[in-house]
Amino acid sequence: MSYDSVPRRFLSLIPIRASAFSLLVLVLSLGTPLAQEKVEGTTGGQHIGVQLGGGIASYREDLLVPLGFDGPGFSLGGVYDRRTEKNLIQIHLKVGFGHLKNRYSHEAWVLAFEMRPSWVRKLAEHCRYGQFRGGVSIPLQMNNLFLESWDDSHLYWLTAHSLAAALQWEKKVSRKDRAVVRMEVPFLSLVSRPPAYRYNKQDALNHWTFHFSEPNRSLHLETPDKYRALFIQMLFRRQVRQSLLSLGLEFQYAYCRKPEKIWGLNTSIVVSYQWRIGS
């Protein structure tokens, strides 16, 4: 399969904007206060942990060259969640790295940053097919590309800070095991892309702050007709005493058509371990 031919229709951050967190706090305030709710089962309460991932990363940046680049990708992140009988709050942090090549063995590098706070609430009290939760997520994502073989003087990127719909399905498969599937789809995004024409000969690539500041300038509000993304996570989770051990798959896709087309596709095997904190 050629990654150059991934279809458009197929349906990825570091700066944290006050407006995004204000929106999250506002949405959370609409639900029942967490302190007044009963914790759900032995997997309830608060957990914090680490997550490791490895898989295949693929990108294509038509602003420079209409060729797909793919190769191994790795990630390291942190996970926090707070669960009650009806509400689930999660915050995921992740840093990813990939070494990519195209079909001519031209090299490229990708460095990705992600923060994904979310809130989902139980949609029904009882369901024979598992438990469904729905809510919102605010994925803050930055994907920096260094296409070394084609342009070793400039940085290319796709940055998106979005408001997304989130849906989670969870089913208990044994006394200690659960299957979890989560999907998020953005419907409103602040997006930044490089300019179509570069008037400077050299970006400040030797200054580490440049790699965070420049990809977050000139953010524009975009709807799904210009930027679209999809996040899917499938986990098998086991309770180990008061901790949680998870193994599964993550799939992320992002596409933007301004000023030229770019897409990114990441498929990873992930493993995480979370410790229970608090009472």
Protein backbone atom coordinates (compact mmCIF):
# COMPACT_ATOMS: atom_id res chain seq x y z
CA MET A 1 0.00 0.00 0.00
CA SER A 2 1.38 3.44 -0.94
CA TYR A 3 0.90 6.05 1.73
CA ASP A 4 0.83 8.67 -1.05
CA SER A 5 -2.68 7.47 -1.88
CA VAL A 6 -4.38 7.78 1.50
CA PRO A 7 -7.83 9.21 0.61
CA ARG A 8 -8.79 12.71 1.68
CA ARG A 9 -12.12 11.64 3.05
CA PHE A 10 -10.57 9.12 5.46
CA LEU A 11 -10.43 11.13 8.37
CA SER A 12 -2.72 15.14 14.05
CA LEU A 13 0.77 21.91 21.40
CA ILE A 14 2.23 22.81 23.88
CA PRO A 15 0.87 26.31 24.47
CA ILE A 16 -2.26 26.06 26.63
CA ARG A 17 -4.69 28.83 25.97
CA ALA A 18 -6.81 30.23 28.74
CA SER A 19 -9.87 30.21 26.52
CA ALA A 20 -9.63 26.44 25.99
CA PHE A 21 -9.44 25.72 29.70
CA SER A 22 -12.20 28.20 30.44
CA LEU A 23 -14.40 26.29 28.03
CA LEU A 24 -13.52 22.98 29.68
CA VAL A 25 -14.31 24.37 33.14
CA LEU A 26 -17.61 25.72 31.85
CA VAL A 27 -18.60 22.35 30.40
CA LEU A 28 -17.60 20.53 33.57
CA SER A 29 -19.68 22.89 35.65
CA LEU A 30 -22.81 21.75 33.80
CA GLY A 31 -22.52 18.26 35.27
CA THR A 32 -23.11 17.05 38.80
CA PRO A 33 -20.31 18.16 41.16
CA LEU A 34 -17.78 15.39 41.42
CA ALA A 35 -17.47 15.66 45.17
CA GLN A 36 -21.12 14.75 45.59
CA GLU A 37 -21.04 11.62 43.45
CA LYS A 38 -20.42 8.04 44.36
CA VAL A 39 -17.23 6.52 42.95
CA GLU A 40 -17.96 3.74 40.48
CA GLY A 41 -16.54 0.36 41.43
CA THR A 42 -12.99 -0.47 42.38
CA THR A 43 -11.59 1.24 39.26
CA GLY A 44 -13.09 4.58 40.32
CA GLY A 45 -11.29 7.47 41.99
CA GLN A 46 -8.14 9.08 40.63
CA HIS A 47 -5.28 7.46 38.73
CA ILE A 48 -2.03 8.83 37.34
CA GLY A 49 0.51 7.01 35.20
CA VAL A 50 2.76 6.73 32.17
CA GLN A 51 2.16 5.56 28.62
CA LEU A 52 4.60 4.21 26.01
CA GLY A 53 3.80 3.81 22.33
CA GLY A 54 5.43 2.55 19.16
CA GLY A 55 4.24 2.09 15.60
CA ILE A 56 4.21 3.59 12.12
CA ALA A 57 4.05 7.33 11.36
CA SER A 58 3.19 8.65 7.89
CA TYR A 59 3.08 12.22 6.58
CA ARG A 60 2.74 14.06 3.31
CA GLU A 61 3.42 17.79 2.93
CA ASP A 62 2.36 19.06 -0.51
CA LEU A 63 3.58 22.54 0.38
CA LEU A 64 7.09 21.23 -0.33
CA VAL A 65 6.90 17.87 -2.11
CA PRO A 66 3.91 15.66 -3.06
CA LEU A 67 5.44 12.49 -1.66
CA GLY A 68 4.47 10.45 1.35
CA PHE A 69 7.04 9.81 4.08
CA ASP A 70 6.66 6.93 6.53
CA GLY A 71 8.72 5.16 9.17
CA PRO A 72 8.89 4.08 12.80
CA GLY A 73 7.44 6.37 15.45
CA PHE A 74 7.69 6.32 19.22
CA SER A 75 5.93 8.23 22.00
CA LEU A 76 6.16 8.82 25.74
CA GLY A 77 3.36 10.35 27.75
CA GLY A 78 1.49 10.79 30.97
CA VAL A 79 -2.11 9.91 31.85
CA TYR A 80 -4.44 11.24 34.54
CA ASP A 81 -8.06 10.32 35.06
CA ARG A 82 -10.75 10.91 37.66
CA ARG A 83 -13.79 8.69 37.55
CA THR A 84 -17.08 8.83 39.40
CA GLU A 85 -20.37 7.02 38.94
CA LYS A 86 -21.37 9.31 36.04
CA ASN A 87 -18.38 11.44 35.02
CA LEU A 88 -14.92 10.70 33.66
CA ILE A 89 -12.25 13.38 33.38
CA GLN A 90 -9.02 12.52 31.57
CA ILE A 91 -5.83 14.41 30.67
CA HIS A 92 -3.33 12.84 28.29
CA LEU A 93 0.12 14.33 27.60
CA LYS A 94 2.34 12.93 24.87
CA VAL A 95 5.60 13.63 23.05
CA GLY A 96 6.23 11.69 19.84
CA PHE A 97 9.19 11.26 17.52
CA GLY A 98 9.56 9.63 14.11
CA HIS A 99 12.27 9.01 11.52
CA LEU A 100 10.65 8.87 8.09
CA LYS A 101 11.64 8.12 4.50
CA ASN A 102 9.87 8.30 1.14
CA ARG A 103 10.11 5.77 -1.66
CA TYR A 104 13.36 7.36 -2.85
CA SER A 105 14.91 7.02 0.65
CA HIS A 106 14.82 10.78 1.21
CA GLU A 107 14.82 11.36 4.97
CA ALA A 108 12.51 13.38 7.19
CA TRP A 109 11.92 13.81 10.92
CA VAL A 110 8.76 14.51 12.86
CA LEU A 111 8.41 15.79 16.42
CA ALA A 112 4.88 15.84 17.84
CA PHE A 113 3.42 17.29 21.04
CA GLU A 114 -0.07 16.64 22.32
CA MET A 115 -2.27 17.49 25.27
CA ARG A 116 -5.77 16.01 25.33
CA PRO A 117 -8.05 17.03 28.25
CA SER A 118 -11.54 15.57 28.04
CA TRP A 119 -14.78 15.08 29.94
CA VAL A 120 -17.37 12.41 29.21
CA ARG A 121 -20.59 11.59 31.07
CA LYS A 122 -22.60 8.38 31.26
CA LEU A 123 -25.36 8.42 28.64
CA ALA A 124 -27.53 5.62 30.02
CA GLU A 125 -27.88 3.95 33.41
CA HIS A 126 -28.08 0.36 32.16
CA CYS A 127 -27.17 -1.16 28.80
CA ARG A 128 -26.62 -4.82 28.01
CA TYR A 129 -24.02 -3.92 25.38
CA GLY A 130 -21.74 -2.00 27.74
CA GLN A 131 -21.50 1.50 29.11
CA PHE A 132 -21.60 4.50 26.77
CA ARG A 133 -20.26 7.94 27.67
CA GLY A 134 -20.37 11.13 25.64
CA GLY A 135 -18.83 14.56 26.08
CA VAL A 136 -16.13 16.88 24.80
CA SER A 137 -12.38 16.87 24.31
CA ILE A 138 -9.95 19.74 23.71
CA PRO A 139 -7.00 18.19 21.83
CA LEU A 140 -4.03 20.56 21.57
CA GLN A 141 -1.68 19.17 18.93
CA MET A 142 1.51 20.24 17.21
CA ASN A 143 3.28 18.23 14.49
CA ASN A 144 6.65 19.60 13.37
CA LEU A 145 8.23 18.25 10.18
CA PHE A 146 11.85 18.65 9.16
CA LEU A 147 12.09 17.45 5.54
CA GLU A 148 15.86 17.32 5.54
CA SER A 149 16.46 15.99 2.02
CA TRP A 150 14.25 18.63 0.38
CA ASP A 151 14.61 21.70 2.56
CA ASP A 152 17.11 21.77 5.41
CA SER A 153 16.54 25.48 6.10
CA HIS A 154 12.87 25.61 7.06
CA LEU A 155 10.41 23.97 9.43
CA TYR A 156 7.03 22.65 8.28
CA TRP A 157 4.14 22.00 10.61
CA LEU A 158 0.49 21.29 11.26
CA THR A 159 -0.78 22.74 14.53
CA ALA A 160 -4.40 22.36 15.63
CA HIS A 161 -6.10 23.29 18.92
CA SER A 162 -9.59 21.87 18.64
CA LEU A 163 -12.96 21.39 20.27
CA ALA A 164 -14.02 17.80 19.63
CA ALA A 165 -16.94 15.50 20.29
CA ALA A 166 -15.91 12.46 22.37
CA LEU A 167 -17.62 9.08 22.67
CA GLN A 168 -16.43 6.19 24.85
CA TRP A 169 -17.68 2.61 25.11
CA GLU A 170 -16.61 0.38 27.99
CA LYS A 171 -17.57 -3.19 28.81
CA LYS A 172 -16.56 -5.41 31.71
CA VAL A 173 -15.34 -8.72 30.29
CA SER A 174 -14.28 -10.34 33.59
CA ARG A 175 -13.96 -9.48 37.25
CA LYS A 176 -10.74 -7.52 36.66
CA ASP A 177 -10.77 -6.84 32.92
CA ARG A 178 -12.48 -4.22 30.78
CA ALA A 179 -12.55 -3.42 27.06
CA VAL A 180 -12.52 0.30 26.23
CA VAL A 181 -13.02 2.03 22.87
CA ARG A 182 -12.81 5.81 22.55
CA MET A 183 -13.36 8.07 19.52
CA GLU A 184 -12.91 11.83 19.15
CA VAL A 185 -13.80 14.01 16.14
CA PRO A 186 -13.04 17.77 16.08
CA PHE A 187 -15.72 20.12 14.84
CA LEU A 188 -14.00 23.48 15.44
CA SER A 189 -10.25 24.11 15.33
CA LEU A 190 -7.61 26.82 15.53
CA VAL A 191 -5.09 25.79 12.88
CA SER A 192 -1.62 27.05 11.97
CA ARG A 193 0.34 26.16 8.82
CA PRO A 194 3.54 27.53 7.25
CA PRO A 195 3.14 30.37 4.74
CA ALA A 196 2.86 29.40 1.09
CA TYR A 197 5.93 31.51 0.25
CA ARG A 198 9.05 31.78 2.41
CA TYR A 199 10.84 35.13 2.21
CA ASN A 200 13.53 34.18 4.73
CA LYS A 201 16.40 31.96 3.68
CA GLN A 202 16.88 30.29 7.02
CA ASP A 203 14.57 29.54 9.98
CA ALA A 204 16.00 29.76 13.48
CA LEU A 205 16.20 25.99 13.75
CA ASN A 206 19.06 26.13 16.24
CA HIS A 207 16.82 27.92 18.80
CA TRP A 208 14.59 25.41 20.58
CA THR A 209 11.95 28.05 21.37
CA PHE A 210 11.39 28.55 17.64
CA HIS A 211 10.01 25.02 17.34
CA PHE A 212 7.20 25.94 19.76
CA SER A 213 6.55 29.61 19.00
CA GLU A 214 6.52 29.63 15.19
CA PRO A 215 4.07 26.70 14.72
CA ASN A 216 1.58 28.54 16.95
CA ARG A 217 1.53 31.86 15.15
CA SER A 218 -1.19 32.90 12.74
CA LEU A 219 -3.79 30.53 14.15
CA HIS A 220 -6.99 30.62 12.10
CA LEU A 221 -10.41 29.24 12.96
CA GLU A 222 -11.23 26.33 10.66
CA THR A 223 -14.24 24.08 10.21
CA PRO A 224 -14.17 20.42 9.04
CA ASP A 225 -14.25 21.42 5.37
CA LYS A 226 -10.63 22.66 5.69
CA TYR A 227 -9.32 20.71 8.69
CA ARG A 228 -10.49 17.32 9.88
CA ALA A 229 -9.09 14.74 12.22
CA LEU A 230 -9.94 11.47 13.90
CA PHE A 231 -8.66 9.83 17.08
CA ILE A 232 -9.51 6.23 17.97
CA GLN A 233 -8.20 4.32 20.97
CA MET A 234 -8.92 0.64 21.71
CA LEU A 235 -7.70 -0.73 25.03
CA PHE A 236 -7.81 -3.91 27.07
CA ARG A 237 -7.53 -2.80 30.71
CA ARG A 238 -6.76 -4.99 33.71
CA GLN A 239 -7.02 -4.01 37.35
CA VAL A 240 -3.87 -4.92 39.28
CA ARG A 241 -4.75 -4.35 42.94
CA GLN A 242 -5.43 -0.60 43.05
CA SER A 243 -3.59 0.09 39.76
CA LEU A 244 -4.58 -0.17 36.09
CA LEU A 245 -2.58 -1.86 33.33
CA SER A 246 -3.69 -1.15 29.75
CA LEU A 247 -2.63 -2.51 26.36
CA GLY A 248 -4.10 -1.51 23.04
CA LEU A 249 -4.03 0.40 19.76
CA GLU A 250 -4.18 4.10 18.92
CA PHE A 251 -5.07 5.54 15.53
CA GLN A 252 -4.70 9.22 14.66
CA TYR A 253 -5.37 10.99 11.39
CA ALA A 254 -5.27 14.69 10.51
CA TYR A 255 -5.78 16.50 7.21
CA CYS A 256 -5.62 20.16 6.22
CA ARG A 257 -5.86 21.74 2.77
CA LYS A 258 -4.45 25.19 3.51
CA PRO A 259 -2.25 26.58 2.00
CA GLU A 260 -1.53 23.20 0.39
CA LYS A 261 -2.58 19.72 1.42
CA ILE A 262 -0.96 17.99 4.36
CA TRP A 263 -1.94 14.81 6.13
CA GLY A 264 -0.57 12.75 8.97
CA LEU A 265 -1.41 9.16 9.89
CA ASN A 266 -0.17 7.41 13.03
CA THR A 267 -0.92 3.86 14.15
CA SER A 268 0.62 2.74 17.44
CA ILE A 269 0.62 -0.05 19.98
CA VAL A 270 0.37 1.55 23.42
CA VAL A 271 0.87 0.30 26.95
CA SER A 272 0.16 2.29 30.09
CA TYR A 273 0.35 1.77 33.84
CA GLN A 274 -1.62 3.95 36.26
CA TRP A 275 -1.36 4.17 40.01
CA ARG A 276 -4.32 5.07 42.19
CA ILE A 277 -3.88 8.31 44.10
CA GLY A 278 -5.92 9.86 46.88
CA SER A 279 -8.62 8.08 48.84
